[in-house]
Amino acid sequence: MKRKPIITGLVSATLVLGLAACGDSEEPTAPTEETSGEASPDNVIELRQANFEAMGDAFKAIRGQLEGDAPDFAVIEESAQAIGARITANKDLFPEGTGIDSGAETEALEVIWEKPDDFVASADKLITASEALAAAAASQDLGQVQEAVKNLGGSCKACHDVFRLDTD
């Protein structure tokens, strides 16, 4: 009888983690006032990586819509907004000591902490690009959306080129 609550708890935890990994409807994760001082470096890295993964999924959803004959502009708009919200949350998930030089499992290069203003500016460009894509999707102008997607992808790449370890 005592095993049932444990199994139920494990199943529930697995479902919650599975839903969190999808990134579709969950809000972006950021530290709260209660947890920001208590979160371990590994937890912070895990949170930001989950946000980046969800951003990648959102970008894939956008690209998928553009591959079809009749893109769903609402999906594109929602995905662009999710990208902006997640990068906004991630700006608070890069405390000192959570870079690749710390030995942690991360692709975050030390240049993030060496040039924090450049890093924030790069994140802000991505946020601006995601807002522009959301606005283009709201207009339902395919040409504007395609151009905005190029700009968003370019913003992602520009940040990766400087601040992320190239694993290819």
N, C-alpha and C. Protein backbone atom coordinates (compact mmCIF):
# COMPACT_ATOMS: atom_id res chain seq x y z
N MET A 1 0.81 -1.20 0.00
CA MET A 1 0.00 0.00 0.00
C MET A 1 0.85 1.26 0.00
N LYS A 2 1.99 1.23 0.66
CA LYS A 2 2.81 2.42 0.76
C LYS A 2 3.52 2.74 -0.56
N ARG A 3 3.64 1.79 -1.44
CA ARG A 3 4.32 2.01 -2.70
C ARG A 3 3.47 2.81 -3.68
N LYS A 4 2.19 2.71 -3.57
CA LYS A 4 1.30 3.37 -4.51
C LYS A 4 1.52 4.88 -4.56
N PRO A 5 1.61 5.60 -3.42
CA PRO A 5 1.87 7.04 -3.49
C PRO A 5 3.21 7.36 -4.14
N ILE A 6 4.21 6.53 -3.90
CA ILE A 6 5.52 6.77 -4.52
C ILE A 6 5.42 6.62 -6.02
N ILE A 7 4.78 5.56 -6.48
CA ILE A 7 4.64 5.33 -7.92
C ILE A 7 3.81 6.45 -8.54
N THR A 8 2.72 6.83 -7.89
CA THR A 8 1.89 7.92 -8.39
C THR A 8 2.70 9.21 -8.47
N GLY A 9 3.51 9.46 -7.45
CA GLY A 9 4.36 10.65 -7.46
C GLY A 9 5.37 10.62 -8.59
N LEU A 10 5.97 9.47 -8.82
CA LEU A 10 6.94 9.35 -9.91
C LEU A 10 6.28 9.54 -11.27
N VAL A 11 5.12 8.94 -11.44
CA VAL A 11 4.39 9.11 -12.71
C VAL A 11 4.02 10.57 -12.90
N SER A 12 3.53 11.21 -11.85
CA SER A 12 3.16 12.62 -11.94
C SER A 12 4.36 13.48 -12.28
N ALA A 13 5.48 13.23 -11.62
CA ALA A 13 6.69 14.01 -11.90
C ALA A 13 7.15 13.80 -13.33
N THR A 14 7.08 12.57 -13.82
CA THR A 14 7.48 12.29 -15.19
C THR A 14 6.59 13.04 -16.18
N LEU A 15 5.29 13.05 -15.92
CA LEU A 15 4.38 13.77 -16.80
C LEU A 15 4.65 15.27 -16.80
N VAL A 16 4.89 15.83 -15.62
CA VAL A 16 5.18 17.26 -15.52
C VAL A 16 6.46 17.59 -16.28
N LEU A 17 7.50 16.78 -16.08
CA LEU A 17 8.75 17.04 -16.79
C LEU A 17 8.58 16.87 -18.29
N GLY A 18 7.80 15.88 -18.69
CA GLY A 18 7.55 15.69 -20.11
C GLY A 18 6.83 16.88 -20.72
N LEU A 19 5.84 17.41 -20.03
CA LEU A 19 5.13 18.58 -20.53
C LEU A 19 6.03 19.81 -20.55
N ALA A 20 6.88 19.93 -19.57
CA ALA A 20 7.79 21.07 -19.52
C ALA A 20 8.75 21.03 -20.69
N ALA A 21 9.17 19.85 -21.08
CA ALA A 21 10.11 19.73 -22.19
C ALA A 21 9.49 20.14 -23.52
N CYS A 22 8.18 20.02 -23.61
CA CYS A 22 7.51 20.39 -24.86
C CYS A 22 7.62 21.88 -25.12
N GLY A 23 7.52 22.68 -24.10
CA GLY A 23 7.69 24.11 -24.25
C GLY A 23 6.56 24.83 -24.95
N ASP A 24 5.47 24.15 -25.27
CA ASP A 24 4.41 24.79 -26.04
C ASP A 24 3.61 25.79 -25.23
N SER A 25 3.12 25.38 -24.06
CA SER A 25 2.23 26.26 -23.33
C SER A 25 2.81 26.73 -22.01
N GLU A 26 3.91 26.18 -21.62
CA GLU A 26 4.47 26.57 -20.33
C GLU A 26 5.14 27.93 -20.45
N GLU A 27 5.01 28.70 -19.39
CA GLU A 27 5.65 30.01 -19.35
C GLU A 27 7.16 29.84 -19.29
N PRO A 28 7.91 30.83 -19.78
CA PRO A 28 9.36 30.74 -19.68
C PRO A 28 9.79 30.65 -18.23
N THR A 29 10.87 29.96 -18.03
CA THR A 29 11.36 29.76 -16.68
C THR A 29 12.41 30.80 -16.36
N ALA A 30 12.28 31.43 -15.22
CA ALA A 30 13.27 32.38 -14.72
C ALA A 30 13.31 32.25 -13.21
N PRO A 31 14.44 32.63 -12.62
CA PRO A 31 14.50 32.53 -11.17
C PRO A 31 13.55 33.51 -10.52
N THR A 32 13.00 33.12 -9.39
CA THR A 32 12.15 34.03 -8.62
C THR A 32 13.00 34.63 -7.52
N GLU A 33 12.46 35.60 -6.82
CA GLU A 33 13.20 36.19 -5.71
C GLU A 33 13.56 35.14 -4.67
N GLU A 34 12.67 34.17 -4.47
CA GLU A 34 12.92 33.15 -3.47
C GLU A 34 14.01 32.17 -3.90
N THR A 35 14.11 31.90 -5.20
CA THR A 35 15.03 30.86 -5.65
C THR A 35 16.32 31.39 -6.25
N SER A 36 16.36 32.64 -6.67
CA SER A 36 17.54 33.11 -7.38
C SER A 36 18.79 33.04 -6.53
N GLY A 37 18.70 33.28 -5.23
CA GLY A 37 19.87 33.19 -4.38
C GLY A 37 20.17 31.76 -3.97
N GLU A 38 19.20 30.86 -4.08
CA GLU A 38 19.35 29.50 -3.62
C GLU A 38 19.62 28.51 -4.75
N ALA A 39 19.37 28.88 -5.98
CA ALA A 39 19.50 27.96 -7.10
C ALA A 39 20.96 27.60 -7.31
N SER A 40 21.20 26.31 -7.48
CA SER A 40 22.57 25.87 -7.74
C SER A 40 22.94 26.23 -9.17
N PRO A 41 24.23 26.33 -9.46
CA PRO A 41 24.65 26.60 -10.84
C PRO A 41 24.07 25.58 -11.82
N ASP A 42 24.04 24.31 -11.42
CA ASP A 42 23.49 23.29 -12.31
C ASP A 42 22.01 23.53 -12.60
N ASN A 43 21.25 23.95 -11.58
CA ASN A 43 19.83 24.23 -11.78
C ASN A 43 19.62 25.42 -12.70
N VAL A 44 20.42 26.45 -12.54
CA VAL A 44 20.31 27.63 -13.39
C VAL A 44 20.63 27.26 -14.84
N ILE A 45 21.68 26.49 -15.02
CA ILE A 45 22.06 26.04 -16.37
C ILE A 45 20.93 25.21 -16.97
N GLU A 46 20.36 24.33 -16.18
CA GLU A 46 19.26 23.49 -16.64
C GLU A 46 18.06 24.34 -17.08
N LEU A 47 17.74 25.35 -16.30
CA LEU A 47 16.62 26.24 -16.64
C LEU A 47 16.87 26.97 -17.95
N ARG A 48 18.05 27.54 -18.10
CA ARG A 48 18.31 28.29 -19.33
C ARG A 48 18.38 27.37 -20.54
N GLN A 49 18.93 26.16 -20.36
CA GLN A 49 18.97 25.22 -21.48
C GLN A 49 17.57 24.79 -21.89
N ALA A 50 16.68 24.61 -20.92
CA ALA A 50 15.29 24.26 -21.24
C ALA A 50 14.63 25.39 -22.02
N ASN A 51 14.91 26.63 -21.63
CA ASN A 51 14.36 27.77 -22.37
C ASN A 51 14.91 27.82 -23.79
N PHE A 52 16.21 27.59 -23.94
CA PHE A 52 16.79 27.60 -25.29
C PHE A 52 16.23 26.47 -26.14
N GLU A 53 16.02 25.31 -25.55
CA GLU A 53 15.44 24.20 -26.29
C GLU A 53 14.02 24.54 -26.74
N ALA A 54 13.26 25.15 -25.86
CA ALA A 54 11.89 25.55 -26.21
C ALA A 54 11.91 26.63 -27.30
N MET A 55 12.91 27.52 -27.25
CA MET A 55 13.04 28.52 -28.32
C MET A 55 13.31 27.83 -29.65
N GLY A 56 14.17 26.83 -29.64
CA GLY A 56 14.45 26.08 -30.86
C GLY A 56 13.21 25.39 -31.39
N ASP A 57 12.42 24.83 -30.48
CA ASP A 57 11.17 24.19 -30.89
C ASP A 57 10.21 25.21 -31.50
N ALA A 58 10.16 26.40 -30.91
CA ALA A 58 9.28 27.46 -31.44
C ALA A 58 9.75 27.88 -32.83
N PHE A 59 11.06 27.99 -33.01
CA PHE A 59 11.59 28.38 -34.32
C PHE A 59 11.28 27.29 -35.35
N LYS A 60 11.38 26.03 -34.95
CA LYS A 60 11.04 24.92 -35.85
C LYS A 60 9.56 24.99 -36.23
N ALA A 61 8.70 25.35 -35.27
CA ALA A 61 7.27 25.47 -35.57
C ALA A 61 7.03 26.57 -36.61
N ILE A 62 7.77 27.66 -36.47
CA ILE A 62 7.66 28.76 -37.44
C ILE A 62 8.08 28.28 -38.82
N ARG A 63 9.24 27.65 -38.88
CA ARG A 63 9.76 27.16 -40.17
C ARG A 63 8.79 26.13 -40.78
N GLY A 64 8.22 25.30 -39.94
CA GLY A 64 7.25 24.30 -40.42
C GLY A 64 6.03 24.96 -41.06
N GLN A 65 5.58 26.05 -40.47
CA GLN A 65 4.44 26.77 -41.05
C GLN A 65 4.79 27.35 -42.41
N LEU A 66 6.01 27.78 -42.58
CA LEU A 66 6.42 28.40 -43.84
C LEU A 66 6.69 27.38 -44.93
N GLU A 67 6.82 26.12 -44.56
CA GLU A 67 7.04 25.06 -45.55
C GLU A 67 5.74 24.63 -46.22
N GLY A 68 4.63 24.90 -45.59
CA GLY A 68 3.34 24.51 -46.15
C GLY A 68 2.78 25.55 -47.11
N ASP A 69 1.67 25.21 -47.73
CA ASP A 69 1.04 26.11 -48.69
C ASP A 69 0.26 27.24 -48.02
N ALA A 70 -0.27 26.98 -46.85
CA ALA A 70 -1.09 27.97 -46.16
C ALA A 70 -0.62 28.09 -44.71
N PRO A 71 0.37 28.95 -44.45
CA PRO A 71 0.88 29.06 -43.08
C PRO A 71 -0.19 29.58 -42.12
N ASP A 72 -0.15 29.05 -40.92
CA ASP A 72 -1.04 29.51 -39.86
C ASP A 72 -0.31 30.66 -39.16
N PHE A 73 -0.70 31.88 -39.48
CA PHE A 73 -0.02 33.06 -38.94
C PHE A 73 -0.15 33.16 -37.43
N ALA A 74 -1.23 32.60 -36.87
CA ALA A 74 -1.40 32.62 -35.42
C ALA A 74 -0.32 31.77 -34.74
N VAL A 75 0.02 30.62 -35.34
CA VAL A 75 1.08 29.77 -34.80
C VAL A 75 2.42 30.51 -34.88
N ILE A 76 2.66 31.19 -35.98
CA ILE A 76 3.91 31.94 -36.15
C ILE A 76 3.98 33.07 -35.12
N GLU A 77 2.90 33.80 -34.95
CA GLU A 77 2.88 34.91 -33.99
C GLU A 77 3.11 34.41 -32.57
N GLU A 78 2.40 33.35 -32.20
CA GLU A 78 2.54 32.78 -30.85
C GLU A 78 3.97 32.26 -30.62
N SER A 79 4.53 31.62 -31.61
CA SER A 79 5.89 31.09 -31.49
C SER A 79 6.91 32.22 -31.37
N ALA A 80 6.73 33.28 -32.13
CA ALA A 80 7.63 34.43 -32.04
C ALA A 80 7.55 35.08 -30.66
N GLN A 81 6.34 35.19 -30.13
CA GLN A 81 6.17 35.75 -28.80
C GLN A 81 6.83 34.86 -27.74
N ALA A 82 6.74 33.55 -27.91
CA ALA A 82 7.36 32.62 -26.97
C ALA A 82 8.88 32.77 -26.99
N ILE A 83 9.44 32.95 -28.17
CA ILE A 83 10.89 33.14 -28.28
C ILE A 83 11.31 34.40 -27.53
N GLY A 84 10.60 35.48 -27.75
CA GLY A 84 10.92 36.72 -27.05
C GLY A 84 10.81 36.60 -25.54
N ALA A 85 9.77 35.93 -25.07
CA ALA A 85 9.58 35.77 -23.63
C ALA A 85 10.68 34.89 -23.03
N ARG A 86 11.06 33.87 -23.72
CA ARG A 86 12.09 32.96 -23.19
C ARG A 86 13.46 33.60 -23.18
N ILE A 87 13.81 34.38 -24.20
CA ILE A 87 15.12 35.03 -24.17
C ILE A 87 15.13 36.12 -23.09
N THR A 88 14.00 36.76 -22.89
CA THR A 88 13.90 37.74 -21.80
C THR A 88 14.15 37.05 -20.46
N ALA A 89 13.54 35.90 -20.24
CA ALA A 89 13.76 35.14 -19.01
C ALA A 89 15.21 34.69 -18.90
N ASN A 90 15.79 34.28 -20.00
CA ASN A 90 17.16 33.76 -19.97
C ASN A 90 18.20 34.83 -19.66
N LYS A 91 17.89 36.08 -19.87
CA LYS A 91 18.86 37.13 -19.56
C LYS A 91 19.24 37.09 -18.08
N ASP A 92 18.35 36.57 -17.23
CA ASP A 92 18.60 36.48 -15.79
C ASP A 92 19.19 35.13 -15.37
N LEU A 93 19.50 34.29 -16.34
CA LEU A 93 19.97 32.93 -16.03
C LEU A 93 21.44 32.71 -16.40
N PHE A 94 22.23 33.75 -16.30
CA PHE A 94 23.66 33.65 -16.60
C PHE A 94 24.49 34.23 -15.46
N PRO A 95 24.33 33.71 -14.23
CA PRO A 95 25.16 34.22 -13.14
C PRO A 95 26.62 33.80 -13.34
N GLU A 96 27.52 34.56 -12.74
CA GLU A 96 28.94 34.22 -12.77
C GLU A 96 29.12 32.77 -12.34
N GLY A 97 30.07 32.10 -12.96
CA GLY A 97 30.39 30.74 -12.56
C GLY A 97 29.54 29.68 -13.22
N THR A 98 28.77 30.04 -14.26
CA THR A 98 27.95 29.04 -14.95
C THR A 98 28.34 28.90 -16.41
N GLY A 99 29.57 29.26 -16.71
CA GLY A 99 30.08 29.13 -18.07
C GLY A 99 30.86 27.84 -18.26
N ILE A 100 31.31 27.63 -19.46
CA ILE A 100 32.02 26.41 -19.82
C ILE A 100 33.32 26.26 -19.03
N ASP A 101 33.96 27.37 -18.69
CA ASP A 101 35.22 27.30 -17.94
C ASP A 101 35.03 26.83 -16.50
N SER A 102 33.78 26.81 -16.03
CA SER A 102 33.51 26.35 -14.66
C SER A 102 33.50 24.83 -14.57
N GLY A 103 33.53 24.18 -15.73
CA GLY A 103 33.44 22.72 -15.75
C GLY A 103 32.02 22.22 -15.86
N ALA A 104 31.08 23.12 -15.87
CA ALA A 104 29.67 22.73 -15.99
C ALA A 104 29.37 22.26 -17.41
N GLU A 105 28.31 21.47 -17.54
CA GLU A 105 27.89 21.01 -18.85
C GLU A 105 27.08 22.12 -19.51
N THR A 106 27.76 22.97 -20.24
CA THR A 106 27.14 24.12 -20.90
C THR A 106 27.97 24.50 -22.11
N GLU A 107 27.36 25.22 -23.01
CA GLU A 107 28.05 25.75 -24.18
C GLU A 107 28.25 27.25 -24.06
N ALA A 108 27.95 27.81 -22.88
CA ALA A 108 28.07 29.24 -22.64
C ALA A 108 29.54 29.62 -22.48
N LEU A 109 30.04 30.42 -23.39
CA LEU A 109 31.44 30.84 -23.37
C LEU A 109 31.66 31.96 -22.36
N GLU A 110 32.86 32.07 -21.85
CA GLU A 110 33.20 33.08 -20.83
C GLU A 110 33.06 34.51 -21.34
N VAL A 111 33.02 34.70 -22.65
CA VAL A 111 32.86 36.04 -23.21
C VAL A 111 31.55 36.68 -22.73
N ILE A 112 30.59 35.85 -22.34
CA ILE A 112 29.32 36.36 -21.81
C ILE A 112 29.59 37.24 -20.59
N TRP A 113 30.49 36.82 -19.72
CA TRP A 113 30.78 37.56 -18.49
C TRP A 113 31.89 38.58 -18.69
N GLU A 114 32.70 38.37 -19.72
CA GLU A 114 33.76 39.33 -20.03
C GLU A 114 33.20 40.57 -20.72
N LYS A 115 32.13 40.38 -21.50
CA LYS A 115 31.49 41.47 -22.23
C LYS A 115 29.97 41.42 -22.00
N PRO A 116 29.55 41.66 -20.77
CA PRO A 116 28.13 41.52 -20.46
C PRO A 116 27.23 42.49 -21.23
N ASP A 117 27.72 43.70 -21.50
CA ASP A 117 26.89 44.64 -22.25
C ASP A 117 26.65 44.15 -23.68
N ASP A 118 27.67 43.54 -24.28
CA ASP A 118 27.51 42.98 -25.62
C ASP A 118 26.52 41.82 -25.62
N PHE A 119 26.60 41.01 -24.56
CA PHE A 119 25.69 39.87 -24.44
C PHE A 119 24.24 40.34 -24.31
N VAL A 120 24.01 41.31 -23.45
CA VAL A 120 22.66 41.85 -23.26
C VAL A 120 22.17 42.50 -24.56
N ALA A 121 23.05 43.21 -25.26
CA ALA A 121 22.67 43.84 -26.53
C ALA A 121 22.27 42.78 -27.56
N SER A 122 22.99 41.67 -27.58
CA SER A 122 22.66 40.59 -28.50
C SER A 122 21.30 39.98 -28.15
N ALA A 123 21.05 39.78 -26.87
CA ALA A 123 19.75 39.26 -26.43
C ALA A 123 18.64 40.24 -26.78
N ASP A 124 18.90 41.53 -26.59
CA ASP A 124 17.89 42.55 -26.92
C ASP A 124 17.58 42.57 -28.42
N LYS A 125 18.59 42.33 -29.25
CA LYS A 125 18.35 42.26 -30.70
C LYS A 125 17.44 41.08 -31.04
N LEU A 126 17.65 39.98 -30.35
CA LEU A 126 16.80 38.81 -30.56
C LEU A 126 15.37 39.09 -30.12
N ILE A 127 15.23 39.77 -29.01
CA ILE A 127 13.88 40.13 -28.53
C ILE A 127 13.20 41.04 -29.54
N THR A 128 13.92 42.03 -30.04
CA THR A 128 13.37 42.95 -31.05
C THR A 128 12.98 42.19 -32.32
N ALA A 129 13.83 41.26 -32.74
CA ALA A 129 13.54 40.47 -33.94
C ALA A 129 12.31 39.58 -33.73
N SER A 130 12.15 39.04 -32.53
CA SER A 130 10.97 38.21 -32.27
C SER A 130 9.70 39.06 -32.25
N GLU A 131 9.80 40.27 -31.72
CA GLU A 131 8.64 41.18 -31.72
C GLU A 131 8.27 41.58 -33.14
N ALA A 132 9.28 41.81 -33.98
CA ALA A 132 9.02 42.17 -35.38
C ALA A 132 8.36 41.01 -36.12
N LEU A 133 8.79 39.79 -35.82
CA LEU A 133 8.17 38.62 -36.44
C LEU A 133 6.72 38.48 -35.98
N ALA A 134 6.47 38.68 -34.71
CA ALA A 134 5.09 38.59 -34.20
C ALA A 134 4.20 39.62 -34.89
N ALA A 135 4.72 40.83 -35.06
CA ALA A 135 3.95 41.88 -35.74
C ALA A 135 3.72 41.53 -37.21
N ALA A 136 4.73 40.99 -37.86
CA ALA A 136 4.58 40.59 -39.26
C ALA A 136 3.53 39.48 -39.39
N ALA A 137 3.56 38.53 -38.47
CA ALA A 137 2.58 37.45 -38.50
C ALA A 137 1.17 37.98 -38.27
N ALA A 138 1.04 38.96 -37.38
CA ALA A 138 -0.27 39.56 -37.12
C ALA A 138 -0.82 40.24 -38.37
N SER A 139 0.09 40.77 -39.21
CA SER A 139 -0.33 41.43 -40.45
C SER A 139 -0.74 40.43 -41.52
N GLN A 140 -0.34 39.18 -41.34
CA GLN A 140 -0.61 38.09 -42.28
C GLN A 140 -0.03 38.37 -43.66
N ASP A 141 1.05 39.13 -43.71
CA ASP A 141 1.77 39.41 -44.94
C ASP A 141 2.93 38.42 -45.04
N LEU A 142 2.82 37.45 -45.94
CA LEU A 142 3.80 36.38 -46.04
C LEU A 142 5.20 36.92 -46.32
N GLY A 143 5.32 37.91 -47.18
CA GLY A 143 6.63 38.49 -47.49
C GLY A 143 7.29 39.10 -46.26
N GLN A 144 6.50 39.83 -45.47
CA GLN A 144 7.03 40.41 -44.23
C GLN A 144 7.44 39.33 -43.24
N VAL A 145 6.64 38.29 -43.16
CA VAL A 145 6.94 37.19 -42.24
C VAL A 145 8.25 36.51 -42.66
N GLN A 146 8.40 36.24 -43.94
CA GLN A 146 9.63 35.58 -44.41
C GLN A 146 10.86 36.43 -44.12
N GLU A 147 10.77 37.72 -44.33
CA GLU A 147 11.89 38.62 -44.04
C GLU A 147 12.17 38.66 -42.53
N ALA A 148 11.12 38.70 -41.74
CA ALA A 148 11.29 38.73 -40.28
C ALA A 148 11.90 37.43 -39.76
N VAL A 149 11.55 36.31 -40.38
CA VAL A 149 12.14 35.02 -39.98
C VAL A 149 13.63 35.02 -40.27
N LYS A 150 14.02 35.57 -41.42
CA LYS A 150 15.46 35.68 -41.75
C LYS A 150 16.18 36.52 -40.70
N ASN A 151 15.58 37.63 -40.31
CA ASN A 151 16.19 38.50 -39.31
C ASN A 151 16.29 37.80 -37.95
N LEU A 152 15.26 37.08 -37.59
CA LEU A 152 15.28 36.35 -36.32
C LEU A 152 16.37 35.29 -36.34
N GLY A 153 16.44 34.53 -37.41
CA GLY A 153 17.47 33.51 -37.54
C GLY A 153 18.87 34.12 -37.51
N GLY A 154 19.02 35.28 -38.16
CA GLY A 154 20.30 35.97 -38.14
C GLY A 154 20.68 36.44 -36.74
N SER A 155 19.69 36.88 -35.97
CA SER A 155 19.95 37.29 -34.58
C SER A 155 20.39 36.11 -33.73
N CYS A 156 19.75 34.97 -33.94
CA CYS A 156 20.14 33.76 -33.21
C CYS A 156 21.59 33.39 -33.56
N LYS A 157 21.88 33.38 -34.85
CA LYS A 157 23.22 32.99 -35.31
C LYS A 157 24.28 33.96 -34.80
N ALA A 158 23.99 35.25 -34.83
CA ALA A 158 24.96 36.24 -34.37
C ALA A 158 25.32 36.01 -32.91
N CYS A 159 24.34 35.67 -32.11
CA CYS A 159 24.60 35.41 -30.69
C CYS A 159 25.40 34.11 -30.54
N HIS A 160 25.00 33.08 -31.25
CA HIS A 160 25.70 31.80 -31.18
C HIS A 160 27.16 31.95 -31.60
N ASP A 161 27.41 32.73 -32.64
CA ASP A 161 28.76 32.89 -33.17
C ASP A 161 29.73 33.45 -32.14
N VAL A 162 29.24 34.29 -31.23
CA VAL A 162 30.10 34.95 -30.26
C VAL A 162 30.04 34.31 -28.89
N PHE A 163 28.86 33.92 -28.45
CA PHE A 163 28.66 33.56 -27.05
C PHE A 163 28.45 32.07 -26.77
N ARG A 164 28.40 31.26 -27.80
CA ARG A 164 28.12 29.82 -27.61
C ARG A 164 29.24 29.00 -28.24
N LEU A 165 29.61 27.93 -27.55
CA LEU A 165 30.61 26.99 -28.06
C LEU A 165 30.08 26.35 -29.33
N ASP A 166 30.89 26.36 -30.37
CA ASP A 166 30.53 25.71 -31.62
C ASP A 166 30.85 24.23 -31.50
N THR A 167 29.82 23.39 -31.48
CA THR A 167 30.03 21.96 -31.30
C THR A 167 30.00 21.20 -32.61
N ASP A 168 29.89 21.89 -33.71
CA ASP A 168 29.85 21.21 -35.03
C ASP A 168 31.23 20.93 -35.55
